[in-house]
Amino acid sequence: MEFFNYVMVLASVIVGLAVAHLLQGIAKMVQQPERAKLYWVHLLWILLMFHNALFWWWWEFALTDIRQWTFELYVFVLYFAVLLYVICAILVPSTLGHYADYRAYYYSRRRWLFGLLFAFSLFDFIDSAVKGWAHLIALGWPYYASVAVRSALLLVAMKTRNERVHAAIVILFIANLILLAFLNFHTMQQGAPAS
């Protein structure tokens, strides 16, 4: 078994749990709509994170080109997956506790949520760099601009409770994810095996 496959088995389980958590949360919202009023901005973040989790597997395929793995890279990939899971777990709580609805919960957890998403943005950049200088350069200026703007907007989202700001940010993030996915990750090619 190649080391990439060895690492990705565990990382995939963690990301799979994140996807399962989101899907269970959505199912619970649909099954028991009377329990708590849904919030459309919150639902868009759930949609975004669901796609981030799905795309994460696609993005990480580029790690197959790495021929020499280190313990630090192994830990980094696993923590990247763990970070994704924790974001999903905070985004979709198992219970709302004393919060009246998802809107109140969402804004009460915004510092944690957007702080972790900020860390996720930094992990994403490091992940791109780990895949090699050629990979990082190939992503081009739209990716660099995206990381900078995304990071700044996440800091804004941590600070404000303004619904219009939060709505604009999530809509921009969804558009950004779609744009970057189809600009940079539309097809995958596995590199030639090292001799």
N, C-alpha and C. Protein backbone atom coordinates (compact mmCIF):
# COMPACT_ATOMS: atom_id res chain seq x y z
N MET A 1 0.84 -1.17 0.00
CA MET A 1 0.00 0.00 0.00
C MET A 1 0.89 1.25 0.00
N GLU A 2 0.59 2.18 -0.90
CA GLU A 2 1.33 3.43 -0.92
C GLU A 2 1.01 4.22 0.34
N PHE A 3 1.97 5.05 0.77
CA PHE A 3 1.78 5.80 2.00
C PHE A 3 0.61 6.77 1.87
N PHE A 4 0.42 7.35 0.67
CA PHE A 4 -0.73 8.24 0.45
C PHE A 4 -2.03 7.53 0.81
N ASN A 5 -2.20 6.31 0.31
CA ASN A 5 -3.43 5.55 0.60
C ASN A 5 -3.55 5.26 2.09
N TYR A 6 -2.43 4.95 2.72
CA TYR A 6 -2.41 4.66 4.14
C TYR A 6 -2.90 5.86 4.95
N VAL A 7 -2.38 7.05 4.63
CA VAL A 7 -2.77 8.27 5.34
C VAL A 7 -4.23 8.63 5.03
N MET A 8 -4.61 8.53 3.76
CA MET A 8 -5.93 8.97 3.36
C MET A 8 -7.05 8.09 3.89
N VAL A 9 -6.75 6.87 4.26
CA VAL A 9 -7.79 6.03 4.85
C VAL A 9 -8.29 6.67 6.14
N LEU A 10 -7.38 7.03 7.02
CA LEU A 10 -7.78 7.65 8.28
C LEU A 10 -8.37 9.04 8.05
N ALA A 11 -7.73 9.83 7.21
CA ALA A 11 -8.24 11.18 6.93
C ALA A 11 -9.63 11.11 6.30
N SER A 12 -9.86 10.14 5.44
CA SER A 12 -11.16 9.98 4.79
C SER A 12 -12.24 9.58 5.78
N VAL A 13 -11.88 8.77 6.75
CA VAL A 13 -12.85 8.41 7.80
C VAL A 13 -13.27 9.67 8.55
N ILE A 14 -12.31 10.51 8.89
CA ILE A 14 -12.61 11.74 9.64
C ILE A 14 -13.50 12.66 8.80
N VAL A 15 -13.16 12.86 7.54
CA VAL A 15 -13.97 13.72 6.67
C VAL A 15 -15.33 13.08 6.41
N GLY A 16 -15.36 11.77 6.29
CA GLY A 16 -16.63 11.06 6.14
C GLY A 16 -17.54 11.29 7.33
N LEU A 17 -16.97 11.32 8.52
CA LEU A 17 -17.75 11.61 9.73
C LEU A 17 -18.30 13.04 9.68
N ALA A 18 -17.52 13.96 9.14
CA ALA A 18 -17.99 15.35 8.99
C ALA A 18 -19.20 15.41 8.06
N VAL A 19 -19.11 14.72 6.93
CA VAL A 19 -20.23 14.68 5.98
C VAL A 19 -21.44 14.04 6.63
N ALA A 20 -21.23 12.93 7.33
CA ALA A 20 -22.33 12.24 8.01
C ALA A 20 -22.98 13.15 9.05
N HIS A 21 -22.15 13.90 9.78
CA HIS A 21 -22.68 14.81 10.79
C HIS A 21 -23.58 15.87 10.15
N LEU A 22 -23.12 16.44 9.05
CA LEU A 22 -23.93 17.45 8.36
C LEU A 22 -25.24 16.85 7.85
N LEU A 23 -25.16 15.68 7.25
CA LEU A 23 -26.36 15.04 6.70
C LEU A 23 -27.34 14.67 7.80
N GLN A 24 -26.84 14.16 8.92
CA GLN A 24 -27.73 13.84 10.04
C GLN A 24 -28.39 15.09 10.59
N GLY A 25 -27.63 16.18 10.66
CA GLY A 25 -28.19 17.44 11.14
C GLY A 25 -29.28 17.95 10.22
N ILE A 26 -29.06 17.89 8.92
CA ILE A 26 -30.07 18.32 7.95
C ILE A 26 -31.30 17.43 8.06
N ALA A 27 -31.10 16.12 8.18
CA ALA A 27 -32.23 15.19 8.30
C ALA A 27 -33.05 15.52 9.55
N LYS A 28 -32.37 15.82 10.65
CA LYS A 28 -33.07 16.16 11.89
C LYS A 28 -33.87 17.45 11.72
N MET A 29 -33.28 18.42 10.99
CA MET A 29 -34.00 19.68 10.75
C MET A 29 -35.26 19.45 9.94
N VAL A 30 -35.19 18.54 8.97
CA VAL A 30 -36.34 18.25 8.12
C VAL A 30 -37.38 17.43 8.89
N GLN A 31 -36.92 16.47 9.67
CA GLN A 31 -37.84 15.60 10.41
C GLN A 31 -38.57 16.33 11.53
N GLN A 32 -37.91 17.32 12.12
CA GLN A 32 -38.50 18.02 13.27
C GLN A 32 -38.47 19.53 13.07
N PRO A 33 -39.13 20.02 12.02
CA PRO A 33 -39.04 21.46 11.72
C PRO A 33 -39.68 22.33 12.79
N GLU A 34 -40.60 21.77 13.57
CA GLU A 34 -41.28 22.58 14.59
C GLU A 34 -40.40 22.85 15.82
N ARG A 35 -39.34 22.09 15.98
CA ARG A 35 -38.50 22.22 17.18
C ARG A 35 -37.75 23.54 17.22
N ALA A 36 -37.20 23.95 16.10
CA ALA A 36 -36.45 25.21 16.08
C ALA A 36 -36.53 25.82 14.68
N LYS A 37 -36.72 27.11 14.66
CA LYS A 37 -36.82 27.83 13.39
C LYS A 37 -35.46 27.80 12.68
N LEU A 38 -35.50 27.46 11.40
CA LEU A 38 -34.28 27.42 10.60
C LEU A 38 -33.86 28.84 10.22
N TYR A 39 -32.59 28.99 9.86
CA TYR A 39 -32.04 30.29 9.48
C TYR A 39 -31.30 30.12 8.15
N TRP A 40 -31.72 30.86 7.15
CA TRP A 40 -31.23 30.65 5.79
C TRP A 40 -29.72 30.88 5.65
N VAL A 41 -29.15 31.84 6.36
CA VAL A 41 -27.70 32.07 6.28
C VAL A 41 -26.97 30.85 6.83
N HIS A 42 -27.44 30.34 7.94
CA HIS A 42 -26.87 29.13 8.55
C HIS A 42 -26.95 27.95 7.58
N LEU A 43 -28.10 27.80 6.92
CA LEU A 43 -28.26 26.71 5.96
C LEU A 43 -27.28 26.83 4.79
N LEU A 44 -27.01 28.07 4.35
CA LEU A 44 -26.02 28.25 3.27
C LEU A 44 -24.62 27.86 3.73
N TRP A 45 -24.27 28.15 4.98
CA TRP A 45 -22.97 27.72 5.49
C TRP A 45 -22.89 26.19 5.55
N ILE A 46 -23.99 25.55 5.92
CA ILE A 46 -24.02 24.09 5.93
C ILE A 46 -23.80 23.56 4.51
N LEU A 47 -24.49 24.14 3.55
CA LEU A 47 -24.32 23.75 2.15
C LEU A 47 -22.87 23.93 1.71
N LEU A 48 -22.27 25.07 2.06
CA LEU A 48 -20.88 25.33 1.70
C LEU A 48 -19.94 24.30 2.32
N MET A 49 -20.13 24.01 3.61
CA MET A 49 -19.23 23.07 4.27
C MET A 49 -19.42 21.65 3.77
N PHE A 50 -20.64 21.30 3.38
CA PHE A 50 -20.86 20.00 2.77
C PHE A 50 -20.02 19.87 1.50
N HIS A 51 -20.06 20.90 0.68
CA HIS A 51 -19.27 20.86 -0.55
C HIS A 51 -17.77 20.96 -0.28
N ASN A 52 -17.38 21.73 0.73
CA ASN A 52 -15.97 21.76 1.11
C ASN A 52 -15.48 20.37 1.50
N ALA A 53 -16.30 19.64 2.24
CA ALA A 53 -15.93 18.28 2.65
C ALA A 53 -15.81 17.36 1.44
N LEU A 54 -16.76 17.45 0.52
CA LEU A 54 -16.70 16.61 -0.69
C LEU A 54 -15.49 16.96 -1.54
N PHE A 55 -15.26 18.26 -1.71
CA PHE A 55 -14.15 18.70 -2.55
C PHE A 55 -12.81 18.41 -1.89
N TRP A 56 -12.77 18.35 -0.57
CA TRP A 56 -11.52 18.09 0.14
C TRP A 56 -10.87 16.81 -0.37
N TRP A 57 -11.67 15.76 -0.56
CA TRP A 57 -11.13 14.51 -1.09
C TRP A 57 -10.53 14.72 -2.48
N TRP A 58 -11.20 15.48 -3.30
CA TRP A 58 -10.71 15.74 -4.65
C TRP A 58 -9.40 16.52 -4.60
N TRP A 59 -9.35 17.54 -3.75
CA TRP A 59 -8.15 18.38 -3.65
C TRP A 59 -6.96 17.58 -3.14
N GLU A 60 -7.22 16.70 -2.20
CA GLU A 60 -6.11 15.97 -1.58
C GLU A 60 -5.50 14.92 -2.50
N PHE A 61 -6.14 14.62 -3.60
CA PHE A 61 -5.58 13.65 -4.55
C PHE A 61 -4.22 14.09 -5.06
N ALA A 62 -3.98 15.39 -5.11
CA ALA A 62 -2.69 15.91 -5.58
C ALA A 62 -1.54 15.47 -4.67
N LEU A 63 -1.85 15.02 -3.47
CA LEU A 63 -0.79 14.52 -2.57
C LEU A 63 -0.20 13.20 -3.06
N THR A 64 -0.81 12.57 -4.04
CA THR A 64 -0.24 11.33 -4.59
C THR A 64 1.11 11.58 -5.23
N ASP A 65 1.37 12.82 -5.63
CA ASP A 65 2.65 13.14 -6.27
C ASP A 65 3.79 13.23 -5.27
N ILE A 66 3.48 13.30 -4.00
CA ILE A 66 4.53 13.39 -2.98
C ILE A 66 5.13 12.01 -2.79
N ARG A 67 6.41 11.93 -3.00
CA ARG A 67 7.10 10.63 -2.94
C ARG A 67 7.71 10.36 -1.56
N GLN A 68 8.03 11.43 -0.83
CA GLN A 68 8.63 11.25 0.48
C GLN A 68 7.77 11.95 1.53
N TRP A 69 7.10 11.16 2.33
CA TRP A 69 6.23 11.68 3.37
C TRP A 69 7.02 11.84 4.67
N THR A 70 6.68 12.88 5.41
CA THR A 70 7.29 13.08 6.73
C THR A 70 6.19 12.94 7.77
N PHE A 71 6.61 12.78 9.01
CA PHE A 71 5.64 12.71 10.10
C PHE A 71 4.84 14.01 10.18
N GLU A 72 5.50 15.15 9.94
CA GLU A 72 4.83 16.45 9.99
C GLU A 72 3.73 16.55 8.93
N LEU A 73 4.00 16.05 7.74
CA LEU A 73 2.99 16.08 6.68
C LEU A 73 1.82 15.16 7.03
N TYR A 74 2.14 14.00 7.57
CA TYR A 74 1.10 13.05 8.01
C TYR A 74 0.18 13.72 9.04
N VAL A 75 0.76 14.35 10.05
CA VAL A 75 -0.01 15.02 11.10
C VAL A 75 -0.81 16.18 10.51
N PHE A 76 -0.18 16.93 9.61
CA PHE A 76 -0.86 18.08 8.99
C PHE A 76 -2.12 17.62 8.25
N VAL A 77 -2.01 16.60 7.44
CA VAL A 77 -3.17 16.11 6.67
C VAL A 77 -4.28 15.65 7.61
N LEU A 78 -3.91 14.95 8.67
CA LEU A 78 -4.92 14.48 9.63
C LEU A 78 -5.56 15.65 10.36
N TYR A 79 -4.77 16.64 10.78
CA TYR A 79 -5.34 17.80 11.47
C TYR A 79 -6.21 18.64 10.54
N PHE A 80 -5.87 18.68 9.27
CA PHE A 80 -6.70 19.37 8.28
C PHE A 80 -8.08 18.71 8.25
N ALA A 81 -8.10 17.38 8.23
CA ALA A 81 -9.36 16.64 8.24
C ALA A 81 -10.11 16.87 9.56
N VAL A 82 -9.39 16.84 10.67
CA VAL A 82 -10.02 17.07 11.99
C VAL A 82 -10.63 18.46 12.05
N LEU A 83 -9.92 19.45 11.54
CA LEU A 83 -10.42 20.82 11.52
C LEU A 83 -11.74 20.90 10.75
N LEU A 84 -11.80 20.23 9.63
CA LEU A 84 -13.02 20.19 8.83
C LEU A 84 -14.16 19.57 9.64
N TYR A 85 -13.88 18.49 10.34
CA TYR A 85 -14.90 17.84 11.15
C TYR A 85 -15.40 18.77 12.26
N VAL A 86 -14.49 19.41 12.96
CA VAL A 86 -14.88 20.29 14.08
C VAL A 86 -15.74 21.44 13.58
N ILE A 87 -15.39 22.02 12.44
CA ILE A 87 -16.21 23.09 11.87
C ILE A 87 -17.62 22.59 11.61
N CYS A 88 -17.73 21.41 11.02
CA CYS A 88 -19.05 20.84 10.73
C CYS A 88 -19.83 20.55 12.00
N ALA A 89 -19.13 20.07 13.03
CA ALA A 89 -19.79 19.76 14.31
C ALA A 89 -20.30 21.02 14.99
N ILE A 90 -19.55 22.11 14.90
CA ILE A 90 -20.00 23.37 15.49
C ILE A 90 -21.14 23.97 14.67
N LEU A 91 -21.05 23.84 13.37
CA LEU A 91 -22.07 24.40 12.49
C LEU A 91 -23.42 23.72 12.69
N VAL A 92 -23.42 22.41 12.91
CA VAL A 92 -24.65 21.65 13.10
C VAL A 92 -24.60 20.99 14.47
N PRO A 93 -25.15 21.66 15.47
CA PRO A 93 -25.09 21.11 16.83
C PRO A 93 -26.02 19.92 16.99
N SER A 94 -25.68 19.04 17.91
CA SER A 94 -26.57 17.90 18.17
C SER A 94 -27.84 18.38 18.87
N THR A 95 -27.74 19.47 19.62
CA THR A 95 -28.89 20.09 20.27
C THR A 95 -28.66 21.59 20.34
N LEU A 96 -29.75 22.34 20.31
CA LEU A 96 -29.63 23.79 20.39
C LEU A 96 -29.50 24.28 21.83
N GLY A 97 -29.71 23.39 22.78
CA GLY A 97 -29.61 23.80 24.17
C GLY A 97 -30.62 24.88 24.50
N HIS A 98 -30.15 25.97 25.07
CA HIS A 98 -31.05 27.04 25.48
C HIS A 98 -31.33 28.07 24.38
N TYR A 99 -30.78 27.87 23.19
CA TYR A 99 -31.01 28.82 22.10
C TYR A 99 -32.39 28.61 21.50
N ALA A 100 -33.07 29.70 21.20
CA ALA A 100 -34.44 29.64 20.70
C ALA A 100 -34.53 29.08 19.29
N ASP A 101 -33.52 29.37 18.48
CA ASP A 101 -33.55 28.92 17.08
C ASP A 101 -32.12 28.88 16.53
N TYR A 102 -32.01 28.46 15.26
CA TYR A 102 -30.69 28.33 14.64
C TYR A 102 -30.02 29.69 14.41
N ARG A 103 -30.81 30.73 14.25
CA ARG A 103 -30.23 32.07 14.08
C ARG A 103 -29.48 32.48 15.34
N ALA A 104 -30.13 32.32 16.48
CA ALA A 104 -29.49 32.68 17.75
C ALA A 104 -28.24 31.83 17.99
N TYR A 105 -28.34 30.54 17.69
CA TYR A 105 -27.18 29.66 17.86
C TYR A 105 -26.03 30.09 16.95
N TYR A 106 -26.35 30.34 15.68
CA TYR A 106 -25.34 30.72 14.69
C TYR A 106 -24.55 31.95 15.14
N TYR A 107 -25.24 33.00 15.56
CA TYR A 107 -24.54 34.22 15.95
C TYR A 107 -23.80 34.06 17.28
N SER A 108 -24.31 33.19 18.15
CA SER A 108 -23.61 32.98 19.42
C SER A 108 -22.30 32.22 19.23
N ARG A 109 -22.21 31.43 18.18
CA ARG A 109 -21.02 30.62 17.91
C ARG A 109 -20.14 31.19 16.79
N ARG A 110 -20.43 32.42 16.36
CA ARG A 110 -19.73 32.97 15.20
C ARG A 110 -18.22 33.10 15.41
N ARG A 111 -17.78 33.45 16.61
CA ARG A 111 -16.34 33.60 16.83
C ARG A 111 -15.63 32.26 16.67
N TRP A 112 -16.19 31.22 17.26
CA TRP A 112 -15.62 29.89 17.11
C TRP A 112 -15.67 29.43 15.65
N LEU A 113 -16.85 29.56 15.06
CA LEU A 113 -17.03 29.08 13.69
C LEU A 113 -16.10 29.78 12.72
N PHE A 114 -16.07 31.10 12.76
CA PHE A 114 -15.26 31.83 11.79
C PHE A 114 -13.78 31.83 12.14
N GLY A 115 -13.46 31.67 13.41
CA GLY A 115 -12.06 31.48 13.79
C GLY A 115 -11.52 30.17 13.23
N LEU A 116 -12.33 29.11 13.34
CA LEU A 116 -11.92 27.81 12.78
C LEU A 116 -11.89 27.84 11.26
N LEU A 117 -12.84 28.55 10.65
CA LEU A 117 -12.81 28.69 9.19
C LEU A 117 -11.59 29.49 8.74
N PHE A 118 -11.18 30.47 9.54
CA PHE A 118 -9.95 31.21 9.24
C PHE A 118 -8.75 30.25 9.28
N ALA A 119 -8.69 29.40 10.30
CA ALA A 119 -7.63 28.39 10.38
C ALA A 119 -7.71 27.45 9.18
N PHE A 120 -8.92 27.08 8.77
CA PHE A 120 -9.10 26.21 7.61
C PHE A 120 -8.56 26.86 6.35
N SER A 121 -8.76 28.17 6.21
CA SER A 121 -8.24 28.91 5.06
C SER A 121 -6.72 28.88 5.05
N LEU A 122 -6.10 29.05 6.21
CA LEU A 122 -4.64 28.98 6.31
C LEU A 122 -4.14 27.56 6.01
N PHE A 123 -4.83 26.55 6.54
CA PHE A 123 -4.47 25.17 6.25
C PHE A 123 -4.56 24.89 4.75
N ASP A 124 -5.59 25.46 4.11
CA ASP A 124 -5.76 25.27 2.67
C ASP A 124 -4.56 25.82 1.91
N PHE A 125 -4.09 27.00 2.30
CA PHE A 125 -2.93 27.59 1.63
C PHE A 125 -1.68 26.73 1.86
N ILE A 126 -1.47 26.31 3.10
CA ILE A 126 -0.31 25.45 3.42
C ILE A 126 -0.41 24.15 2.64
N ASP A 127 -1.61 23.59 2.58
CA ASP A 127 -1.83 22.35 1.83
C ASP A 127 -1.46 22.52 0.35
N SER A 128 -1.83 23.65 -0.22
CA SER A 128 -1.47 23.92 -1.62
C SER A 128 0.03 24.04 -1.79
N ALA A 129 0.69 24.66 -0.82
CA ALA A 129 2.15 24.81 -0.88
C ALA A 129 2.85 23.47 -0.72
N VAL A 130 2.32 22.62 0.14
CA VAL A 130 2.91 21.30 0.37
C VAL A 130 2.91 20.45 -0.90
N LYS A 131 1.92 20.69 -1.74
CA LYS A 131 1.79 19.91 -2.98
C LYS A 131 2.83 20.30 -4.02
N GLY A 132 3.65 21.29 -3.70
CA GLY A 132 4.76 21.64 -4.57
C GLY A 132 4.64 23.05 -5.13
N TRP A 133 5.81 23.61 -5.40
CA TRP A 133 5.88 24.97 -5.93
C TRP A 133 5.13 25.08 -7.25
N ALA A 134 5.28 24.07 -8.11
CA ALA A 134 4.60 24.11 -9.42
C ALA A 134 3.08 24.13 -9.23
N HIS A 135 2.60 23.34 -8.28
CA HIS A 135 1.15 23.32 -7.99
C HIS A 135 0.68 24.68 -7.51
N LEU A 136 1.43 25.28 -6.58
CA LEU A 136 1.05 26.57 -6.02
C LEU A 136 1.05 27.66 -7.09
N ILE A 137 2.05 27.66 -7.94
CA ILE A 137 2.13 28.65 -9.03
C ILE A 137 0.99 28.43 -10.03
N ALA A 138 0.68 27.18 -10.32
CA ALA A 138 -0.37 26.86 -11.30
C ALA A 138 -1.74 27.35 -10.85
N LEU A 139 -1.95 27.49 -9.55
CA LEU A 139 -3.24 27.96 -9.06
C LEU A 139 -3.50 29.40 -9.47
N GLY A 140 -2.44 30.18 -9.63
CA GLY A 140 -2.55 31.54 -10.16
C GLY A 140 -3.12 32.56 -9.20
N TRP A 141 -3.17 33.78 -9.68
CA TRP A 141 -3.59 34.90 -8.86
C TRP A 141 -5.00 34.78 -8.31
N PRO A 142 -5.96 34.16 -9.03
CA PRO A 142 -7.30 34.07 -8.43
C PRO A 142 -7.29 33.33 -7.08
N TYR A 143 -6.44 32.32 -6.99
CA TYR A 143 -6.35 31.56 -5.74
C TYR A 143 -5.74 32.43 -4.63
N TYR A 144 -4.65 33.13 -4.93
CA TYR A 144 -4.01 33.97 -3.91
C TYR A 144 -4.96 35.08 -3.44
N ALA A 145 -5.64 35.70 -4.40
CA ALA A 145 -6.61 36.75 -4.04
C ALA A 145 -7.73 36.16 -3.20
N SER A 146 -8.15 34.97 -3.56
CA SER A 146 -9.21 34.29 -2.82
C SER A 146 -8.82 34.04 -1.37
N VAL A 147 -7.61 33.55 -1.16
CA VAL A 147 -7.14 33.27 0.21
C VAL A 147 -7.10 34.57 1.02
N ALA A 148 -6.58 35.64 0.43
CA ALA A 148 -6.47 36.92 1.15
C ALA A 148 -7.84 37.49 1.48
N VAL A 149 -8.72 37.54 0.48
CA VAL A 149 -10.05 38.11 0.68
C VAL A 149 -10.86 37.24 1.63
N ARG A 150 -10.80 35.94 1.43
CA ARG A 150 -11.53 34.99 2.28
C ARG A 150 -11.10 35.16 3.74
N SER A 151 -9.82 35.25 3.98
CA SER A 151 -9.30 35.39 5.34
C SER A 151 -9.79 36.69 5.98
N ALA A 152 -9.75 37.78 5.22
CA ALA A 152 -10.21 39.07 5.74
C ALA A 152 -11.71 39.03 6.05
N LEU A 153 -12.48 38.42 5.17
CA LEU A 153 -13.93 38.35 5.40
C LEU A 153 -14.27 37.48 6.61
N LEU A 154 -13.49 36.45 6.84
CA LEU A 154 -13.74 35.60 8.01
C LEU A 154 -13.49 36.38 9.30
N LEU A 155 -12.49 37.24 9.30
CA LEU A 155 -12.23 38.08 10.47
C LEU A 155 -13.38 39.07 10.69
N VAL A 156 -13.92 39.59 9.61
CA VAL A 156 -15.08 40.48 9.71
C VAL A 156 -16.27 39.71 10.28
N ALA A 157 -16.50 38.50 9.77
CA ALA A 157 -17.64 37.69 10.23
C ALA A 157 -17.53 37.34 11.71
N MET A 158 -16.31 37.21 12.21
CA MET A 158 -16.12 36.95 13.64
C MET A 158 -16.61 38.12 14.49
N LYS A 159 -16.46 39.32 13.97
CA LYS A 159 -16.73 40.53 14.75
C LYS A 159 -18.18 41.00 14.68
N THR A 160 -18.83 40.82 13.52
CA THR A 160 -20.15 41.43 13.32
C THR A 160 -21.29 40.42 13.46
N ARG A 161 -22.45 40.97 13.83
CA ARG A 161 -23.68 40.19 13.86
C ARG A 161 -24.63 40.66 12.75
N ASN A 162 -24.14 41.50 11.86
CA ASN A 162 -24.97 42.07 10.80
C ASN A 162 -25.37 40.97 9.81
N GLU A 163 -26.68 40.75 9.68
CA GLU A 163 -27.18 39.67 8.83
C GLU A 163 -26.79 39.87 7.37
N ARG A 164 -26.84 41.10 6.89
CA ARG A 164 -26.49 41.36 5.48
C ARG A 164 -25.02 41.03 5.20
N VAL A 165 -24.17 41.36 6.15
CA VAL A 165 -22.75 41.05 6.00
C VAL A 165 -22.54 39.53 5.96
N HIS A 166 -23.16 38.83 6.89
CA HIS A 166 -23.02 37.37 6.93
C HIS A 166 -23.60 36.72 5.67
N ALA A 167 -24.72 37.24 5.20
CA ALA A 167 -25.33 36.70 3.98
C ALA A 167 -24.42 36.94 2.77
N ALA A 168 -23.88 38.14 2.66
CA ALA A 168 -22.99 38.46 1.53
C ALA A 168 -21.74 37.59 1.57
N ILE A 169 -21.19 37.38 2.76
CA ILE A 169 -19.97 36.58 2.88
C ILE A 169 -20.21 35.14 2.45
N VAL A 170 -21.28 34.52 2.92
CA VAL A 170 -21.51 33.12 2.55
C VAL A 170 -21.80 32.98 1.06
N ILE A 171 -22.52 33.93 0.49
CA ILE A 171 -22.80 33.89 -0.96
C ILE A 171 -21.50 34.05 -1.74
N LEU A 172 -20.64 34.96 -1.31
CA LEU A 172 -19.33 35.12 -1.96
C LEU A 172 -18.48 33.86 -1.83
N PHE A 173 -18.53 33.22 -0.67
CA PHE A 173 -17.75 32.00 -0.46
C PHE A 173 -18.23 30.87 -1.37
N ILE A 174 -19.54 30.75 -1.52
CA ILE A 174 -20.08 29.71 -2.41
C ILE A 174 -19.65 29.97 -3.84
N ALA A 175 -19.77 31.23 -4.30
CA ALA A 175 -19.34 31.59 -5.66
C ALA A 175 -17.85 31.33 -5.83
N ASN A 176 -17.05 31.68 -4.82
CA ASN A 176 -15.61 31.47 -4.86
C ASN A 176 -15.27 29.98 -4.96
N LEU A 177 -15.95 29.17 -4.17
CA LEU A 177 -15.69 27.72 -4.20
C LEU A 177 -16.00 27.14 -5.58
N ILE A 178 -17.10 27.55 -6.16
CA ILE A 178 -17.47 27.06 -7.49
C ILE A 178 -16.44 27.51 -8.52
N LEU A 179 -16.07 28.79 -8.46
CA LEU A 179 -15.11 29.33 -9.42
C LEU A 179 -13.76 28.61 -9.32
N LEU A 180 -13.22 28.52 -8.12
CA LEU A 180 -11.91 27.87 -7.95
C LEU A 180 -11.95 26.39 -8.29
N ALA A 181 -13.05 25.73 -7.95
CA ALA A 181 -13.16 24.30 -8.24
C ALA A 181 -13.09 24.04 -9.74
N PHE A 182 -13.79 24.86 -10.51
CA PHE A 182 -13.81 24.60 -11.95
C PHE A 182 -12.63 25.22 -12.69
N LEU A 183 -12.00 26.25 -12.11
CA LEU A 183 -10.80 26.80 -12.73
C LEU A 183 -9.59 25.88 -12.54
N ASN A 184 -9.46 25.35 -11.32
CA ASN A 184 -8.23 24.66 -10.97
C ASN A 184 -8.33 23.15 -10.78
N PHE A 185 -9.51 22.65 -10.55
CA PHE A 185 -9.61 21.24 -10.17
C PHE A 185 -10.62 20.48 -11.02
N HIS A 186 -10.82 20.91 -12.25
CA HIS A 186 -11.83 20.28 -13.08
C HIS A 186 -11.44 18.84 -13.45
N THR A 187 -10.17 18.61 -13.71
CA THR A 187 -9.70 17.26 -14.03
C THR A 187 -8.48 16.93 -13.18
N MET A 188 -8.26 15.67 -12.99
CA MET A 188 -7.09 15.20 -12.25
C MET A 188 -6.25 14.33 -13.17
N GLN A 189 -4.95 14.50 -13.05
CA GLN A 189 -4.02 13.65 -13.76
C GLN A 189 -3.01 13.16 -12.76
N GLN A 190 -2.87 11.87 -12.71
CA GLN A 190 -1.87 11.32 -11.80
C GLN A 190 -0.53 11.38 -12.49
N GLY A 191 0.47 11.86 -11.73
CA GLY A 191 1.81 11.97 -12.28
C GLY A 191 2.41 10.61 -12.61
N ALA A 192 3.40 10.63 -13.47
CA ALA A 192 4.08 9.38 -13.83
C ALA A 192 4.80 8.81 -12.63
N PRO A 193 4.77 7.52 -12.43
CA PRO A 193 5.45 6.95 -11.28
C PRO A 193 6.95 7.18 -11.34
N ALA A 194 7.51 7.42 -10.17
CA ALA A 194 8.96 7.64 -10.10
C ALA A 194 9.70 6.34 -10.40
N SER A 195 10.81 6.48 -11.12
CA SER A 195 11.55 5.25 -11.43
C SER A 195 12.61 4.96 -10.42
